[in-house]
């Protein structure tokens, strides 16, 4: 495994080559086809997953059996850190939305690694704080915003997770399905279609060659925050 792959993962960016080599020796690699369940809510777990290739969605199931998507993660992201830290059951479902290759790190190896390299724990805390802020924004969207605000917040969340920015315009490749967008925004697929068309008519976004572009991203965020 090339060390550059691990070095590009923010959680391990501060490790030197010797430490990265030791880490690589602890990792298992596993491939998953699209729409595969990686972990299920309430499963026992003691493994950290790192996405080397592909994309996954993090979701929970409501009492009415409706899927609520909490996040979409791509290359370099990780999940499973909560049960890895506390040894308790998983808190969400993780399903691949593209063919994916994941690195698996066992809890006991992670704890040894963080004991010797405290900066990893600091990086993990920063990431957890970031995710908590995103969850707060999603709760605010679901409770306070109208349909346009909910859809806009979902697009901003995906842009922050997987988008790329150039000259103030964010490009989202492989936009999730309209049903997945509805499950993020807490609305219906029909509402997603209607709001996206309205955004296009207002020149807030555009679609081209399978990608969605958010024009003047900073202005878009200010409008819907």
Protein backbone atom coordinates (compact mmCIF):
# COMPACT_ATOMS: atom_id res chain seq x y z
CA UNK A 1 0.00 0.00 0.00
CA UNK A 2 1.54 3.36 -1.02
CA UNK A 3 2.07 5.57 2.04
CA UNK A 4 0.79 8.55 0.04
CA UNK A 5 -2.71 7.07 0.26
CA UNK A 6 -2.61 7.15 4.07
CA UNK A 7 -0.89 10.53 4.17
CA UNK A 8 -3.79 12.04 2.19
CA UNK A 9 -6.21 11.01 4.95
CA UNK A 10 -6.44 13.99 7.35
CA UNK A 11 -6.57 11.74 10.40
CA UNK A 12 -3.05 10.45 9.67
CA UNK A 13 -1.52 13.48 7.95
CA UNK A 14 0.92 14.19 10.80
CA UNK A 15 2.45 10.72 10.93
CA UNK A 16 5.96 10.17 9.59
CA UNK A 17 6.88 7.40 7.14
CA UNK A 18 7.85 4.93 9.87
CA UNK A 19 4.54 5.45 11.69
CA UNK A 20 2.58 5.22 8.44
CA UNK A 21 4.34 1.96 7.61
CA UNK A 22 3.30 0.50 10.99
CA UNK A 23 -0.26 1.72 10.41
CA UNK A 24 -0.37 0.14 6.94
CA UNK A 25 0.62 -3.17 8.49
CA UNK A 26 -2.45 -3.05 10.75
CA UNK A 27 -4.98 -2.35 8.01
CA UNK A 28 -7.17 -4.82 6.21
CA UNK A 29 -8.59 -4.01 2.78
CA UNK A 30 -12.11 -4.99 1.79
CA UNK A 31 -14.11 -4.28 -1.37
CA UNK A 32 -17.86 -3.71 -1.47
CA UNK A 33 -20.22 -3.58 -4.43
CA UNK A 34 -22.68 -0.69 -4.85
CA UNK A 35 -25.69 -0.90 -2.50
CA UNK A 36 -23.86 -3.19 -0.06
CA UNK A 37 -24.48 -2.84 3.68
CA UNK A 38 -21.15 -2.26 5.43
CA UNK A 39 -22.56 -1.98 8.95
CA UNK A 40 -26.08 -2.03 10.33
CA UNK A 41 -27.57 0.06 13.08
CA UNK A 42 -27.24 -1.70 16.49
CA UNK A 43 -24.53 -4.09 15.19
CA UNK A 44 -21.68 -4.67 17.60
CA UNK A 45 -18.58 -3.03 16.26
CA UNK A 46 -14.94 -2.44 17.03
CA UNK A 47 -13.58 -1.35 13.65
CA UNK A 48 -12.78 1.98 12.05
CA UNK A 49 -13.48 2.14 8.32
CA UNK A 50 -11.52 4.43 5.99
CA UNK A 51 -12.76 5.01 2.45
CA UNK A 52 -9.96 4.55 -0.06
CA UNK A 53 -12.23 4.45 -3.11
CA UNK A 54 -15.96 4.94 -3.57
CA UNK A 55 -18.75 6.55 -1.60
CA UNK A 56 -21.13 5.58 1.23
CA UNK A 57 -24.23 6.99 2.87
CA UNK A 58 -24.73 7.13 6.64
CA UNK A 59 -28.37 6.68 7.58
CA UNK A 60 -30.78 5.78 10.33
CA UNK A 61 -34.26 4.27 10.15
CA UNK A 62 -37.13 6.15 11.77
CA UNK A 63 -39.90 4.52 13.78
CA UNK A 64 -42.05 4.68 10.63
CA UNK A 65 -39.33 2.70 8.77
CA UNK A 66 -38.31 5.74 6.71
CA UNK A 67 -34.65 6.19 5.88
CA UNK A 68 -33.04 9.42 7.09
CA UNK A 69 -29.63 10.10 5.50
CA UNK A 70 -27.23 11.83 7.88
CA UNK A 71 -24.19 12.16 5.62
CA UNK A 72 -22.56 11.08 2.39
CA UNK A 73 -18.85 10.27 2.69
CA UNK A 74 -16.21 9.88 -0.01
CA UNK A 75 -12.54 9.08 -0.47
CA UNK A 76 -10.40 9.93 2.56
CA UNK A 77 -13.37 10.02 4.94
CA UNK A 78 -13.85 7.56 7.78
CA UNK A 79 -16.68 6.17 9.88
CA UNK A 80 -17.20 3.79 12.78
CA UNK A 81 -15.21 5.93 15.19
CA UNK A 82 -17.90 6.08 17.91
CA UNK A 83 -18.08 2.35 18.60
CA UNK A 84 -14.32 2.19 18.15
CA UNK A 85 -13.91 4.68 20.99
CA UNK A 86 -16.58 3.40 23.39
CA UNK A 87 -16.91 -0.24 22.33
CA UNK A 88 -20.72 0.05 22.09
CA UNK A 89 -23.05 -0.81 19.22
CA UNK A 90 -23.18 1.06 15.92
CA UNK A 91 -25.31 4.21 15.84
CA UNK A 92 -26.23 4.17 12.13
CA UNK A 93 -26.39 2.13 8.94
CA UNK A 94 -23.66 2.50 6.32
CA UNK A 95 -24.47 1.54 2.72
CA UNK A 96 -22.28 1.95 -0.35
CA UNK A 97 -23.65 4.13 -3.14
CA UNK A 98 -20.74 3.27 -5.43
CA UNK A 99 -18.41 0.30 -5.69
CA UNK A 100 -16.03 0.97 -2.79
CA UNK A 101 -12.72 -0.12 -1.31
CA UNK A 102 -12.35 0.34 2.43
CA UNK A 103 -9.48 0.08 4.89
CA UNK A 104 -10.39 -1.57 8.21
CA UNK A 105 -8.57 -0.72 11.45
CA UNK A 106 -9.31 -2.75 14.59
CA UNK A 107 -10.04 -1.01 17.88
CA UNK A 108 -7.05 -2.46 19.72
CA UNK A 109 -4.65 -1.33 16.97
CA UNK A 110 -6.22 2.13 16.89
CA UNK A 111 -5.85 2.57 20.66
CA UNK A 112 -2.18 1.58 20.53
CA UNK A 113 -1.66 3.97 17.62
CA UNK A 114 -3.31 6.93 19.36
CA UNK A 115 -1.43 6.26 22.60
CA UNK A 116 1.85 6.62 20.74
CA UNK A 117 0.61 9.44 18.48
CA UNK A 118 -1.73 11.75 20.43
CA UNK A 119 -2.15 14.02 17.40
CA UNK A 120 -4.42 11.36 15.89
CA UNK A 121 -6.81 11.74 18.84
CA UNK A 122 -6.77 15.51 18.38
CA UNK A 123 -7.59 15.12 14.69
CA UNK A 124 -10.41 12.74 15.54
CA UNK A 125 -11.89 15.21 18.05
CA UNK A 126 -11.79 17.97 15.43
CA UNK A 127 -13.61 15.74 12.97
CA UNK A 128 -16.23 14.77 15.55
CA UNK A 129 -16.83 18.44 16.39
CA UNK A 130 -17.20 19.21 12.68
CA UNK A 131 -19.74 16.42 12.26
CA UNK A 132 -21.67 17.60 15.32
CA UNK A 133 -21.93 21.08 13.80
CA UNK A 134 -23.23 19.55 10.57
CA UNK A 135 -25.82 17.55 12.50
CA UNK A 136 -26.96 20.73 14.26
CA UNK A 137 -27.33 22.46 10.88
CA UNK A 138 -29.38 19.53 9.57
CA UNK A 139 -31.67 19.60 12.62
CA UNK A 140 -32.13 23.35 12.16
CA UNK A 141 -33.01 22.82 8.51
CA UNK A 142 -35.59 20.15 9.26
CA UNK A 143 -37.24 22.15 12.03
CA UNK A 144 -37.12 25.74 10.77
CA UNK A 145 -36.74 25.91 6.98
CA UNK A 146 -39.30 25.63 4.19
CA UNK A 147 -38.88 23.13 1.35
CA UNK A 148 -36.40 25.32 -0.55
CA UNK A 149 -34.32 25.81 2.58
CA UNK A 150 -34.26 22.10 3.32
CA UNK A 151 -33.17 21.19 -0.20
CA UNK A 152 -30.55 23.95 -0.22
CA UNK A 153 -29.17 22.72 3.11
CA UNK A 154 -28.95 19.19 1.69
CA UNK A 155 -27.03 20.48 -1.33
CA UNK A 156 -24.68 22.47 0.91
CA UNK A 157 -24.08 19.39 3.05
CA UNK A 158 -23.20 17.29 -0.02
CA UNK A 159 -21.04 20.11 -1.41
CA UNK A 160 -19.09 20.28 1.84
CA UNK A 161 -18.69 16.48 1.90
CA UNK A 162 -17.83 15.71 -1.72
CA UNK A 163 -17.84 18.89 -3.82
CA UNK A 164 -14.94 20.71 -5.45
CA UNK A 165 -14.77 24.50 -5.76
CA UNK A 166 -13.27 26.64 -8.54
CA UNK A 167 -13.76 30.37 -9.06
CA UNK A 168 -16.54 30.42 -6.48
CA UNK A 169 -18.55 27.65 -8.17
CA UNK A 170 -18.96 24.27 -6.49
CA UNK A 171 -19.21 21.15 -8.60
CA UNK A 172 -20.92 18.05 -7.22
CA UNK A 173 -20.18 14.97 -9.27
CA UNK A 174 -22.37 11.88 -9.00
CA UNK A 175 -25.21 13.73 -7.29
CA UNK A 176 -27.25 11.32 -5.12
CA UNK A 177 -30.59 10.15 -6.46
CA UNK A 178 -33.61 12.37 -5.89
CA UNK A 179 -34.89 9.84 -3.36
CA UNK A 180 -31.63 10.01 -1.42
CA UNK A 181 -31.77 13.82 -1.55
CA UNK A 182 -35.32 13.61 -0.19
CA UNK A 183 -34.10 11.38 2.64
CA UNK A 184 -31.44 13.96 3.52
CA UNK A 185 -33.79 16.93 3.31
CA UNK A 186 -36.70 15.24 5.08
CA UNK A 187 -39.09 15.80 2.17
CA UNK A 188 -40.50 13.98 -0.86
CA UNK A 189 -38.87 13.11 -4.18
CA UNK A 190 -41.45 15.26 -5.96
CA UNK A 191 -40.50 18.26 -3.81
CA UNK A 192 -36.83 17.72 -4.61
CA UNK A 193 -37.58 17.80 -8.34
CA UNK A 194 -39.72 20.93 -8.04
CA UNK A 195 -37.18 22.86 -5.92
CA UNK A 196 -34.20 21.88 -8.08
CA UNK A 197 -36.04 23.08 -11.18
CA UNK A 198 -36.82 26.36 -9.41
CA UNK A 199 -33.14 26.76 -8.43
CA UNK A 200 -32.15 26.18 -12.06
CA UNK A 201 -34.70 28.74 -13.27
CA UNK A 202 -33.30 31.27 -10.77
CA UNK A 203 -29.76 30.46 -11.98
CA UNK A 204 -28.71 29.40 -8.48
CA UNK A 205 -27.60 26.01 -9.79
CA UNK A 206 -27.09 24.28 -13.12
CA UNK A 207 -26.72 20.71 -14.30
CA UNK A 208 -24.27 19.58 -16.94
CA UNK A 209 -22.76 16.23 -17.96
CA UNK A 210 -23.97 14.39 -14.87
CA UNK A 211 -22.76 17.05 -12.41
CA UNK A 212 -24.58 19.74 -10.44
CA UNK A 213 -22.98 23.18 -10.09
CA UNK A 214 -23.84 25.69 -7.37
CA UNK A 215 -23.21 29.15 -8.78
CA UNK A 216 -21.71 31.70 -6.37
CA UNK A 217 -21.47 29.17 -3.57
CA UNK A 218 -20.79 31.65 -0.76
CA UNK A 219 -23.84 33.71 -1.70
CA UNK A 220 -25.91 30.50 -1.88
CA UNK A 221 -24.82 29.53 1.63
CA UNK A 222 -25.60 32.98 3.03
CA UNK A 223 -29.05 32.93 1.48
CA UNK A 224 -29.99 29.60 3.01
CA UNK A 225 -28.25 29.73 6.39
